[in-house]
Each structure stands twice: as C-alpha cells, then as structure tokens.
N, C-alpha and C. Protein backbone atom coordinates (compact mmCIF):
# COMPACT_ATOMS: atom_id res chain seq x y z
N MET A 1 1.09 -0.95 -0.15
CA MET A 1 0.31 -0.15 0.11
C MET A 1 1.02 1.45 -0.01
N ARG A 2 0.42 2.10 -1.19
CA ARG A 2 1.32 3.23 -1.17
C ARG A 2 0.62 4.55 -1.26
N LEU A 3 1.00 5.62 0.01
CA LEU A 3 0.17 6.86 -0.04
C LEU A 3 1.09 7.79 -0.16
N SER A 4 0.58 9.09 -1.76
CA SER A 4 1.09 9.46 -2.29
C SER A 4 0.47 11.11 -2.15
N PHE A 5 1.12 12.30 -2.18
CA PHE A 5 0.50 13.36 -2.02
C PHE A 5 0.71 13.90 -3.10
N SER A 6 0.03 14.72 -3.80
CA SER A 6 0.12 15.80 -5.01
C SER A 6 -0.56 16.57 -5.08
N SER A 7 0.02 18.48 -4.87
CA SER A 7 -0.78 19.66 -5.13
C SER A 7 -2.24 19.57 -4.14
N GLY A 8 -1.86 19.02 -3.20
CA GLY A 8 -3.64 19.17 -2.09
C GLY A 8 -4.02 17.53 -2.28
N LYS A 9 -4.13 16.96 -3.16
CA LYS A 9 -4.83 15.96 -3.52
C LYS A 9 -3.84 14.45 -2.71
N LYS A 10 -4.90 13.56 -2.22
CA LYS A 10 -4.23 12.36 -1.84
C LYS A 10 -4.69 10.88 -2.61
N THR A 11 -3.82 10.39 -2.82
CA THR A 11 -3.87 9.16 -3.96
C THR A 11 -3.35 7.71 -3.03
N LEU A 12 -4.25 7.12 -3.04
CA LEU A 12 -3.83 6.15 -2.04
C LEU A 12 -4.05 4.84 -3.31
N THR A 13 -2.83 3.81 -3.21
CA THR A 13 -2.58 2.92 -4.23
C THR A 13 -2.67 1.45 -3.50
N TRP A 14 -3.11 0.33 -3.55
CA TRP A 14 -3.35 -1.19 -3.27
C TRP A 14 -3.54 -1.90 -4.13
N LEU A 15 -2.92 -3.11 -4.15
CA LEU A 15 -2.65 -4.02 -4.84
C LEU A 15 -3.07 -3.47 -6.96
N GLY A 16 -2.25 -2.41 -6.62
CA GLY A 16 -2.39 -2.04 -8.56
C GLY A 16 -3.60 -0.82 -8.44
N VAL A 17 -4.61 -0.73 -7.47
CA VAL A 17 -5.53 0.11 -7.67
C VAL A 17 -5.46 1.32 -7.13
N SER A 18 -5.64 2.68 -8.13
CA SER A 18 -5.67 3.83 -7.11
C SER A 18 -6.56 4.67 -7.01
N VAL A 19 -6.77 5.43 -5.87
CA VAL A 19 -7.99 5.95 -5.47
C VAL A 19 -7.67 7.29 -5.40
N ASN A 20 -8.25 8.51 -5.96
CA ASN A 20 -8.00 9.76 -5.52
C ASN A 20 -8.77 10.24 -4.58
N PHE A 21 -8.40 11.16 -3.53
CA PHE A 21 -9.18 11.73 -2.66
C PHE A 21 -9.13 13.32 -3.10
N CYS A 22 -10.38 13.78 -3.40
CA CYS A 22 -9.62 15.63 -3.77
C CYS A 22 -10.27 16.17 -2.49
N CYS A 23 -11.01 15.97 -1.24
CA CYS A 23 -11.70 16.45 -0.54
C CYS A 23 -10.40 17.01 1.00
N PRO A 24 -9.47 17.66 1.43
CA PRO A 24 -9.15 17.60 2.17
C PRO A 24 -9.30 17.33 3.39
N VAL A 25 -8.59 16.73 4.28
CA VAL A 25 -8.86 15.92 5.71
C VAL A 25 -8.48 17.12 6.82
N VAL A 26 -10.08 17.64 7.29
CA VAL A 26 -9.59 18.54 8.49
C VAL A 26 -9.86 17.91 9.45
N PRO A 27 -8.43 18.34 10.19
CA PRO A 27 -8.53 17.69 11.70
C PRO A 27 -9.49 17.89 12.56
N LEU A 28 -10.32 17.26 13.39
CA LEU A 28 -11.01 17.57 14.37
C LEU A 28 -10.45 18.55 15.72
N ARG A 29 -11.49 19.87 16.28
CA ARG A 29 -10.16 20.62 17.41
C ARG A 29 -10.03 19.37 18.46
N LYS A 30 -9.36 19.73 19.06
CA LYS A 30 -9.56 18.96 20.83
C LYS A 30 -10.54 19.08 21.51
N SER A 31 -10.93 20.51 21.59
CA SER A 31 -12.18 20.90 22.33
C SER A 31 -13.47 20.18 21.79
N GLN A 32 -13.68 19.88 20.79
CA GLN A 32 -14.53 18.73 20.11
C GLN A 32 -14.76 17.55 21.44
N PHE A 33 -13.73 17.28 21.81
CA PHE A 33 -13.99 16.00 23.02
C PHE A 33 -13.34 16.36 24.25
N THR A 34 -13.17 17.19 24.45
CA THR A 34 -12.88 17.45 26.08
C THR A 34 -13.67 18.05 26.58
N HIS A 35 -15.02 18.78 25.79
CA HIS A 35 -15.90 19.84 26.94
C HIS A 35 -17.30 18.82 27.16
N ARG A 36 -17.26 17.11 27.30
CA ARG A 36 -18.55 16.89 27.42
C ARG A 36 -19.53 17.11 28.62
N GLU A 37 -18.71 18.18 29.46
CA GLU A 37 -19.96 18.61 30.60
C GLU A 37 -21.20 19.73 30.37
N GLU A 38 -20.34 19.94 28.50
CA GLU A 38 -21.20 20.91 28.21
C GLU A 38 -22.55 20.91 27.41
N ALA A 39 -21.99 19.59 26.95
CA ALA A 39 -23.23 18.90 26.02
C ALA A 39 -24.90 18.38 26.53
N MET A 40 -25.56 18.81 25.74
CA MET A 40 -26.88 18.38 26.37
C MET A 40 -27.36 17.12 26.62
N SER A 41 -28.35 17.03 27.72
CA SER A 41 -28.83 15.79 28.17
C SER A 41 -29.87 15.77 28.45
N THR A 42 -30.75 14.56 27.95
CA THR A 42 -31.57 14.31 28.65
C THR A 42 -32.39 14.30 30.05
N GLN A 43 -33.44 14.94 30.45
CA GLN A 43 -33.71 15.36 31.67
C GLN A 43 -34.91 14.12 31.69
N VAL A 44 -34.76 12.80 32.70
CA VAL A 44 -35.40 12.11 33.68
C VAL A 44 -36.14 12.38 34.65
N ALA A 45 -37.20 12.35 34.90
CA ALA A 45 -38.25 12.87 36.48
C ALA A 45 -38.08 11.25 37.32
N LYS A 46 -37.82 12.08 38.05
CA LYS A 46 -37.46 11.00 39.83
C LYS A 46 -38.88 11.73 40.30
N LYS A 47 -39.45 10.18 41.28
CA LYS A 47 -40.58 10.48 41.91
C LYS A 47 -40.29 11.39 43.09
N SER A 48 -39.33 11.85 43.46
CA SER A 48 -38.94 12.82 44.42
C SER A 48 -39.32 14.29 43.59
N GLU A 49 -39.25 14.74 42.75
CA GLU A 49 -39.18 15.67 41.82
C GLU A 49 -40.66 15.82 41.69
N ILE A 50 -41.38 15.00 41.11
CA ILE A 50 -42.83 14.89 40.71
C ILE A 50 -44.35 15.68 41.88
N LYS A 51 -45.08 16.79 41.63
CA LYS A 51 -45.58 17.10 42.32
C LYS A 51 -47.13 17.05 41.59
N LYS A 52 -48.42 16.08 42.58
CA LYS A 52 -49.31 15.37 41.94
C LYS A 52 -50.48 16.64 42.39
N ASN A 53 -51.13 16.81 41.18
CA ASN A 53 -51.89 17.75 41.51
C ASN A 53 -53.86 16.98 41.54
N TRP A 54 -54.86 17.28 41.73
CA TRP A 54 -55.66 17.00 41.78
C TRP A 54 -56.53 17.58 40.91
N TYR A 55 -57.41 17.22 40.03
CA TYR A 55 -58.58 17.75 38.97
C TYR A 55 -60.03 17.21 39.16
N ILE A 56 -61.03 18.11 38.67
CA ILE A 56 -62.16 17.39 38.63
C ILE A 56 -62.79 17.83 37.38
N VAL A 57 -63.36 16.53 36.56
CA VAL A 57 -64.14 16.80 35.43
C VAL A 57 -65.52 16.38 35.76
N ASP A 58 -66.57 17.68 35.47
CA ASP A 58 -67.83 17.19 35.09
C ASP A 58 -67.91 16.98 33.35
N LEU A 59 -68.85 15.67 33.56
CA LEU A 59 -69.21 14.80 32.40
C LEU A 59 -70.69 15.12 32.16
N ASP A 60 -71.44 16.06 32.67
CA ASP A 60 -72.18 16.24 32.15
C ASP A 60 -72.52 16.72 30.77
N GLY A 61 -73.55 15.94 29.97
CA GLY A 61 -73.36 16.23 28.26
C GLY A 61 -72.20 16.19 27.65
N LYS A 62 -71.13 15.75 28.33
CA LYS A 62 -69.91 15.31 27.71
C LYS A 62 -69.98 14.50 26.60
N VAL A 63 -69.09 14.18 25.35
CA VAL A 63 -69.12 13.35 24.46
C VAL A 63 -68.14 11.83 25.26
N LEU A 64 -68.15 10.61 25.53
CA LEU A 64 -67.43 9.16 26.25
C LEU A 64 -65.69 9.84 25.99
N GLY A 65 -65.45 9.51 24.51
CA GLY A 65 -64.17 9.15 23.73
C GLY A 65 -63.44 10.68 23.84
N ARG A 66 -64.00 11.48 23.78
CA ARG A 66 -63.03 12.87 23.80
C ARG A 66 -62.65 13.22 25.23
N ALA A 67 -63.99 13.13 26.00
CA ALA A 67 -63.56 13.17 27.84
C ALA A 67 -62.29 12.24 27.99
N ALA A 68 -62.46 11.00 27.44
CA ALA A 68 -61.57 10.10 28.53
C ALA A 68 -60.09 10.24 27.74
N THR A 69 -59.90 10.43 26.30
CA THR A 69 -58.65 11.04 25.83
C THR A 69 -58.17 12.42 26.86
N GLU A 70 -59.05 13.01 26.73
CA GLU A 70 -58.18 14.20 27.57
C GLU A 70 -57.87 13.67 29.39
N ILE A 71 -58.99 12.97 29.84
CA ILE A 71 -58.49 12.11 31.10
C ILE A 71 -57.07 11.36 30.96
N ALA A 72 -57.17 10.08 30.20
CA ALA A 72 -55.48 9.91 29.66
C ALA A 72 -54.34 10.77 29.96
N ARG A 73 -54.85 12.14 29.40
CA ARG A 73 -53.68 12.58 29.05
C ARG A 73 -53.16 12.93 30.54
N VAL A 74 -54.20 13.94 31.03
CA VAL A 74 -53.81 14.14 32.77
C VAL A 74 -53.20 13.19 33.62
N LEU A 75 -53.59 11.95 33.49
CA LEU A 75 -53.32 10.53 34.24
C LEU A 75 -52.06 9.92 34.04
N ARG A 76 -51.29 10.37 32.73
CA ARG A 76 -50.10 10.22 32.11
C ARG A 76 -49.22 10.52 32.28
N GLY A 77 -49.32 12.61 32.61
CA GLY A 77 -48.65 13.42 32.63
C GLY A 77 -47.96 14.00 31.27
N LYS A 78 -48.82 13.66 30.58
CA LYS A 78 -48.52 14.49 29.15
C LYS A 78 -48.51 16.18 28.95
N HIS A 79 -49.60 16.58 30.05
CA HIS A 79 -49.70 18.14 29.86
C HIS A 79 -48.60 18.44 30.87
N LYS A 80 -47.45 17.84 31.30
CA LYS A 80 -46.65 18.59 32.03
C LYS A 80 -45.18 18.88 31.38
N ALA A 81 -44.00 19.80 31.31
CA ALA A 81 -43.24 19.57 30.67
C ALA A 81 -42.32 18.39 31.29
N ILE A 82 -42.42 17.96 32.42
CA ILE A 82 -41.59 16.80 32.99
C ILE A 82 -41.68 15.53 32.62
N TYR A 83 -42.54 15.75 31.82
CA TYR A 83 -42.95 14.45 31.24
C TYR A 83 -41.97 13.23 30.73
N SER A 84 -41.96 12.07 31.28
CA SER A 84 -41.15 11.49 30.98
C SER A 84 -41.77 9.40 31.03
N PRO A 85 -41.97 8.68 29.58
CA PRO A 85 -42.95 7.29 29.69
C PRO A 85 -42.94 6.99 30.38
N SER A 86 -41.72 6.36 30.98
CA SER A 86 -40.87 5.65 31.97
C SER A 86 -41.39 5.67 33.73
N VAL A 87 -41.77 7.02 33.56
CA VAL A 87 -42.09 7.45 35.06
C VAL A 87 -43.62 8.17 35.33
N ASP A 88 -44.05 7.85 36.22
CA ASP A 88 -45.95 8.24 36.59
C ASP A 88 -45.59 9.69 37.27
N THR A 89 -45.73 10.43 36.17
CA THR A 89 -45.81 12.06 36.13
C THR A 89 -47.64 12.39 36.47
N GLY A 90 -48.48 11.72 36.06
CA GLY A 90 -49.51 12.40 35.96
C GLY A 90 -49.80 12.85 37.39
N ASP A 91 -51.41 13.32 37.17
CA ASP A 91 -52.37 14.19 38.32
C ASP A 91 -53.43 13.05 38.81
N PHE A 92 -54.34 13.39 39.56
CA PHE A 92 -54.93 13.01 40.31
C PHE A 92 -56.34 13.35 39.10
N VAL A 93 -57.58 12.42 39.04
CA VAL A 93 -58.39 13.04 38.29
C VAL A 93 -59.70 12.56 38.92
N VAL A 94 -60.57 13.31 39.36
CA VAL A 94 -61.88 12.96 39.78
C VAL A 94 -63.15 13.28 38.84
N VAL A 95 -63.75 12.35 38.60
CA VAL A 95 -65.08 12.54 37.94
C VAL A 95 -66.32 12.29 37.99
N VAL A 96 -66.93 13.32 37.97
CA VAL A 96 -68.38 13.29 38.78
C VAL A 96 -69.01 13.83 37.43
N ASN A 97 -70.51 12.77 37.63
CA ASN A 97 -71.78 12.93 36.78
C ASN A 97 -71.46 11.74 35.69
N ALA A 98 -70.88 10.71 36.00
CA ALA A 98 -70.63 9.99 35.28
C ALA A 98 -71.73 8.88 34.15
N GLU A 99 -72.94 9.49 35.16
CA GLU A 99 -74.06 8.61 34.53
C GLU A 99 -74.59 9.52 33.29
N LYS A 100 -74.32 11.13 33.44
CA LYS A 100 -74.70 11.70 32.03
C LYS A 100 -73.88 12.26 30.82
N VAL A 101 -72.83 11.18 30.55
CA VAL A 101 -71.85 11.12 29.95
C VAL A 101 -72.97 10.91 28.41
N LYS A 102 -72.26 11.35 27.22
CA LYS A 102 -73.36 10.85 25.59
C LYS A 102 -72.51 10.19 25.04
N LEU A 103 -72.93 8.96 24.10
CA LEU A 103 -72.34 8.48 23.61
C LEU A 103 -72.91 9.43 22.06
N THR A 104 -71.94 9.27 20.73
CA THR A 104 -72.49 9.16 19.46
C THR A 104 -73.30 8.60 18.85
N GLY A 105 -73.64 9.14 17.99
CA GLY A 105 -74.09 7.80 16.89
C GLY A 105 -75.19 6.47 17.37
N ASN A 106 -75.26 5.75 17.10
CA ASN A 106 -75.99 4.38 17.69
C ASN A 106 -75.42 3.76 18.51
N LYS A 107 -74.36 4.32 19.69
CA LYS A 107 -73.58 3.70 20.42
C LYS A 107 -74.18 2.95 21.71
N LEU A 108 -75.40 3.91 21.96
CA LEU A 108 -75.84 3.00 23.27
C LEU A 108 -76.82 1.81 22.75
N ALA A 109 -77.17 1.09 21.81
CA ALA A 109 -77.72 0.18 21.22
C ALA A 109 -76.60 -0.50 20.63
N ALA A 110 -75.50 -0.50 19.98
CA ALA A 110 -74.57 -1.43 19.43
C ALA A 110 -73.09 -1.39 20.18
N LYS A 111 -72.96 -1.07 21.02
CA LYS A 111 -71.73 -1.11 21.67
C LYS A 111 -71.68 -1.71 22.88
N MET A 112 -71.04 -3.13 22.59
CA MET A 112 -71.04 -4.18 23.45
C MET A 112 -70.03 -4.14 24.41
N TYR A 113 -70.48 -4.23 25.84
CA TYR A 113 -69.23 -4.59 26.83
C TYR A 113 -69.12 -6.39 27.39
N TYR A 114 -68.27 -6.74 27.15
CA TYR A 114 -67.86 -8.30 27.38
C TYR A 114 -67.20 -8.45 28.58
N ARG A 115 -67.40 -9.35 29.46
CA ARG A 115 -66.58 -9.85 30.75
C ARG A 115 -66.50 -11.44 30.80
N HIS A 116 -65.93 -12.05 31.42
CA HIS A 116 -66.04 -13.71 31.49
C HIS A 116 -65.77 -14.10 32.59
N SER A 117 -66.98 -14.95 33.43
CA SER A 117 -67.11 -15.40 34.68
C SER A 117 -65.85 -16.40 35.27
N GLY A 118 -64.99 -17.16 34.00
CA GLY A 118 -63.77 -17.80 34.00
C GLY A 118 -64.26 -19.08 33.78
N TYR A 119 -65.56 -19.62 33.94
CA TYR A 119 -66.35 -20.76 33.82
C TYR A 119 -66.36 -20.84 32.14
N PRO A 120 -66.44 -22.28 31.90
CA PRO A 120 -67.27 -22.49 30.78
C PRO A 120 -68.25 -21.90 30.51
N GLY A 121 -68.63 -21.09 29.18
CA GLY A 121 -70.23 -21.12 28.73
C GLY A 121 -70.12 -19.76 30.15
N GLY A 122 -69.25 -18.85 30.24
CA GLY A 122 -69.47 -17.77 31.33
C GLY A 122 -69.24 -16.35 30.69
N LEU A 123 -69.30 -16.07 29.26
CA LEU A 123 -69.31 -15.31 28.58
C LEU A 123 -70.79 -14.15 29.13
N ARG A 124 -70.35 -13.15 29.54
CA ARG A 124 -71.26 -11.89 29.77
C ARG A 124 -71.25 -11.09 28.90
N GLU A 125 -72.36 -10.30 28.04
CA GLU A 125 -72.53 -9.10 27.57
C GLU A 125 -73.39 -8.04 28.10
N ALA A 126 -72.80 -6.94 27.60
CA ALA A 126 -74.23 -5.77 27.94
C ALA A 126 -73.98 -4.87 27.11
N THR A 127 -75.03 -4.17 26.88
CA THR A 127 -74.74 -2.84 25.95
C THR A 127 -74.74 -1.91 26.81
N ALA A 128 -73.93 -0.17 26.36
CA ALA A 128 -73.68 0.70 26.47
C ALA A 128 -74.89 1.26 27.42
N ALA A 129 -76.04 0.79 27.09
CA ALA A 129 -77.25 1.32 27.76
C ALA A 129 -77.18 0.67 28.96
N GLN A 130 -77.16 -0.18 28.73
CA GLN A 130 -77.21 -0.85 30.15
C GLN A 130 -76.56 -0.96 31.18
N MET A 131 -75.09 -0.79 30.59
CA MET A 131 -73.85 -0.64 31.48
C MET A 131 -74.13 1.08 32.26
N LEU A 132 -74.97 2.24 31.51
CA LEU A 132 -74.66 2.82 31.89
C LEU A 132 -76.03 3.28 33.40
N GLU A 133 -76.82 2.33 32.87
CA GLU A 133 -77.87 2.26 34.08
C GLU A 133 -77.60 1.59 35.24
N LYS A 134 -76.27 0.46 34.92
CA LYS A 134 -76.67 -0.38 36.05
C LYS A 134 -74.55 0.38 36.62
N LYS A 135 -73.67 0.36 35.93
CA LYS A 135 -72.51 0.62 36.02
C LYS A 135 -71.60 2.14 35.63
N PRO A 136 -71.99 2.79 35.84
CA PRO A 136 -71.87 4.23 34.40
C PRO A 136 -70.30 4.81 35.05
N GLU A 137 -69.70 4.03 36.09
CA GLU A 137 -68.33 4.35 36.63
C GLU A 137 -67.66 3.22 35.68
N ASP A 138 -68.35 2.56 35.55
CA ASP A 138 -67.03 1.31 34.56
C ASP A 138 -66.84 1.67 33.30
N VAL A 139 -68.20 2.27 32.83
CA VAL A 139 -68.04 2.65 31.23
C VAL A 139 -66.70 3.95 31.06
N ILE A 140 -66.68 4.75 32.22
CA ILE A 140 -65.37 5.67 31.81
C ILE A 140 -64.12 5.17 32.07
N LYS A 141 -64.12 4.19 33.51
CA LYS A 141 -62.75 3.47 33.41
C LYS A 141 -62.44 2.86 32.40
N LYS A 142 -63.74 2.08 31.69
CA LYS A 142 -62.80 1.16 30.77
C LYS A 142 -62.41 2.02 29.33
N ALA A 143 -62.99 3.43 29.38
CA ALA A 143 -62.63 3.79 28.25
C ALA A 143 -60.90 4.42 28.50
N VAL A 144 -61.03 4.98 29.73
CA VAL A 144 -59.59 5.39 29.93
C VAL A 144 -59.06 4.36 29.89
N LYS A 145 -59.09 2.99 30.62
CA LYS A 145 -58.11 2.03 30.39
C LYS A 145 -57.28 1.95 29.58
N GLY A 146 -58.29 1.96 28.14
CA GLY A 146 -58.24 1.00 26.47
C GLY A 146 -56.98 2.54 26.60
N MET A 147 -56.84 3.90 26.68
CA MET A 147 -55.74 4.67 26.07
C MET A 147 -54.18 4.47 27.17
N LEU A 148 -54.35 3.85 27.95
CA LEU A 148 -53.45 4.02 28.84
C LEU A 148 -52.20 3.03 28.83
N PRO A 149 -50.89 2.97 29.09
CA PRO A 149 -50.28 2.00 28.71
C PRO A 149 -50.72 0.38 29.40
N LYS A 150 -50.65 -0.92 29.17
CA LYS A 150 -50.80 -1.68 29.17
C LYS A 150 -49.42 -2.78 30.31
N ASN A 151 -49.01 -2.00 31.02
CA ASN A 151 -48.70 -2.76 32.00
C ASN A 151 -48.52 -2.46 33.87
N LYS A 152 -47.29 -2.26 34.53
CA LYS A 152 -47.56 -1.76 35.86
C LYS A 152 -48.52 -0.22 35.83
N LEU A 153 -47.39 0.47 35.24
CA LEU A 153 -47.31 1.76 35.10
C LEU A 153 -48.88 2.17 34.70
N GLY A 154 -49.43 1.62 33.99
CA GLY A 154 -50.54 1.80 33.38
C GLY A 154 -51.60 1.44 34.33
N ARG A 155 -51.54 0.45 35.31
CA ARG A 155 -52.32 0.22 36.54
C ARG A 155 -52.21 1.14 37.79
N ASP A 156 -50.86 1.47 37.76
CA ASP A 156 -50.43 2.70 38.74
C ASP A 156 -51.53 4.15 38.35
N MET A 157 -51.26 4.50 37.11
CA MET A 157 -51.71 5.56 36.63
C MET A 157 -53.32 5.24 36.92
N LEU A 158 -54.42 4.31 36.18
CA LEU A 158 -55.15 4.03 36.20
C LEU A 158 -56.26 3.65 38.00
N ARG A 159 -55.49 4.00 39.23
CA ARG A 159 -55.37 4.03 40.17
C ARG A 159 -55.84 5.15 40.32
N LYS A 160 -55.25 6.39 39.95
CA LYS A 160 -55.51 7.59 40.37
C LYS A 160 -56.62 8.59 39.75
N LEU A 161 -57.43 7.30 39.23
CA LEU A 161 -58.74 8.19 38.30
C LEU A 161 -60.16 7.74 39.44
N LYS A 162 -60.77 8.42 39.84
CA LYS A 162 -61.70 8.23 40.49
C LYS A 162 -62.76 9.03 40.26
N VAL A 163 -64.06 7.52 39.83
CA VAL A 163 -65.36 8.08 39.07
C VAL A 163 -66.55 7.98 39.66
N TYR A 164 -67.45 9.18 39.86
CA TYR A 164 -68.62 8.73 40.58
C TYR A 164 -69.79 9.39 39.99
N ALA A 165 -70.90 8.41 40.06
CA ALA A 165 -71.64 8.20 38.92
C ALA A 165 -72.63 9.74 39.32
N GLY A 166 -73.16 10.19 40.49
CA GLY A 166 -73.50 11.35 40.40
C GLY A 166 -72.62 12.86 41.31
N SER A 167 -73.06 13.65 41.60
CA SER A 167 -71.92 15.00 41.61
C SER A 167 -71.36 14.95 42.85
N ASP A 168 -71.53 14.30 43.64
CA ASP A 168 -70.93 14.48 45.31
C ASP A 168 -69.83 13.71 44.88
N HIS A 169 -68.87 13.99 45.48
CA HIS A 169 -67.74 12.97 46.01
C HIS A 169 -66.79 13.65 47.31
N PRO A 170 -65.80 12.33 47.58
CA PRO A 170 -65.41 12.89 49.58
C PRO A 170 -64.08 13.30 48.71
N HIS A 171 -63.72 14.07 47.80
CA HIS A 171 -62.13 14.57 47.86
C HIS A 171 -62.41 15.79 47.89
N ASP A 172 -62.90 16.68 48.51
CA ASP A 172 -62.97 18.21 49.07
C ASP A 172 -61.82 19.08 49.60
N ALA A 173 -61.20 17.84 50.55
CA ALA A 173 -59.89 17.78 51.24
C ALA A 173 -58.90 18.31 50.39
N GLN A 174 -58.57 17.84 49.52
CA GLN A 174 -58.12 17.84 47.97
C GLN A 174 -57.52 18.89 47.28
N GLN A 175 -58.70 19.71 47.16
CA GLN A 175 -59.49 20.84 46.91
C GLN A 175 -58.55 20.90 44.83
N PRO A 176 -59.63 20.13 44.60
CA PRO A 176 -59.16 19.69 43.28
C PRO A 176 -59.92 21.08 42.23
N LEU A 177 -58.99 21.21 41.27
CA LEU A 177 -59.09 22.34 40.16
C LEU A 177 -59.88 21.86 39.06
N GLU A 178 -60.55 22.70 38.35
CA GLU A 178 -61.74 22.38 37.60
C GLU A 178 -60.58 22.10 36.33
N LEU A 179 -61.13 21.27 35.71
CA LEU A 179 -60.38 20.55 34.48
C LEU A 179 -61.72 20.53 33.11
N ASN A 180 -61.44 21.34 32.08
CA ASN A 180 -62.21 21.54 30.99
C ASN A 180 -62.02 20.36 29.92
N VAL A 181 -62.78 19.54 29.47
CA VAL A 181 -63.03 18.43 28.43
C VAL A 181 -63.75 18.67 27.45
C-alpha cells in the first residue's frame, strides 16, 4: 500500500488500484472531545421531583371518547413539561356525573361490553345503555383504561382515577382544580 500526496490531493494505491481523494482532511479540534460536560442531556423525572395535583371533571353532556382522551392525558402526565414515558408523572382525576355522559351515533344500542366469569360458557355481555344504567363508573374506567399503557405503570395510573356516578365526591379536602374537557 502506497500513499502519495500531490498538489493537495491524496492518492491511495493498493494492489495496483489507485483512488484519488480530492477533499482535504480537516482534523477535529481537541476542544470538541474534551468538553463533554457542556453537552445537552435528557432530563428524566424522579419520583421525588413530581408534584401530584388533583383535577375534577364534570361529564354532564360530554362525549365519552373525547373526555376519556383528555383524562388519560392528565393521568399520564403529558400536560407537564417534566413528562417521562417510563415514570408516572400524572395527576389525580376525579370524575363526577358519569351517568350523564353522552355516546354519539348508535353506540348506546350497538356498543357491547364483554366480561367472562372464568367458567365454561361464562361469557357475559351488556350494551352501553345497560352499562350506563347499572354501572356508569365502569364505562368511564374502561374507556380511559384502553388509552393507558398496558403494564404496571398503566395500572398505577388508573388507580389515580376516581369516578362517581353523581355529583357528590369525598375529595373536597384535596381542593381539586376544574379541568375542562
């Protein structure tokens, strides 16, 4: 292998094949490698740095899916600048008037909710209208649960959701802030 220079160009010859390099090689400055502490770094939230707020949502006349997306966003903490996908940075959400939520189109009759008892032939089904009549809290919880991560972090986030069918709730001591959805 032979390396020769001629008029600012480099020529590399190896096994009878010559390759010309027309671009000059610029050495990197030493300062580009020594100042690592000035480089930007990604901040990851720690449990001790997270401040949990309480929000209250009134679902009287609100559409189920649109409200559930905003609730899931607050539970995950995506509304905060400190958001990290691997840390629970979300806030508590209290939902009132779950029985007065609206479903668009023909979903009251057509949307089905399934559960299984664990025994053979134990599949149970109910329409959205039946669920809103019997357990309106479960309709909201199932809608929000589907929008959260499917792991331990998602289960921890779902525990911060408090749903009540009527307008009364026992969380006045936390002084929840109004959240418009």
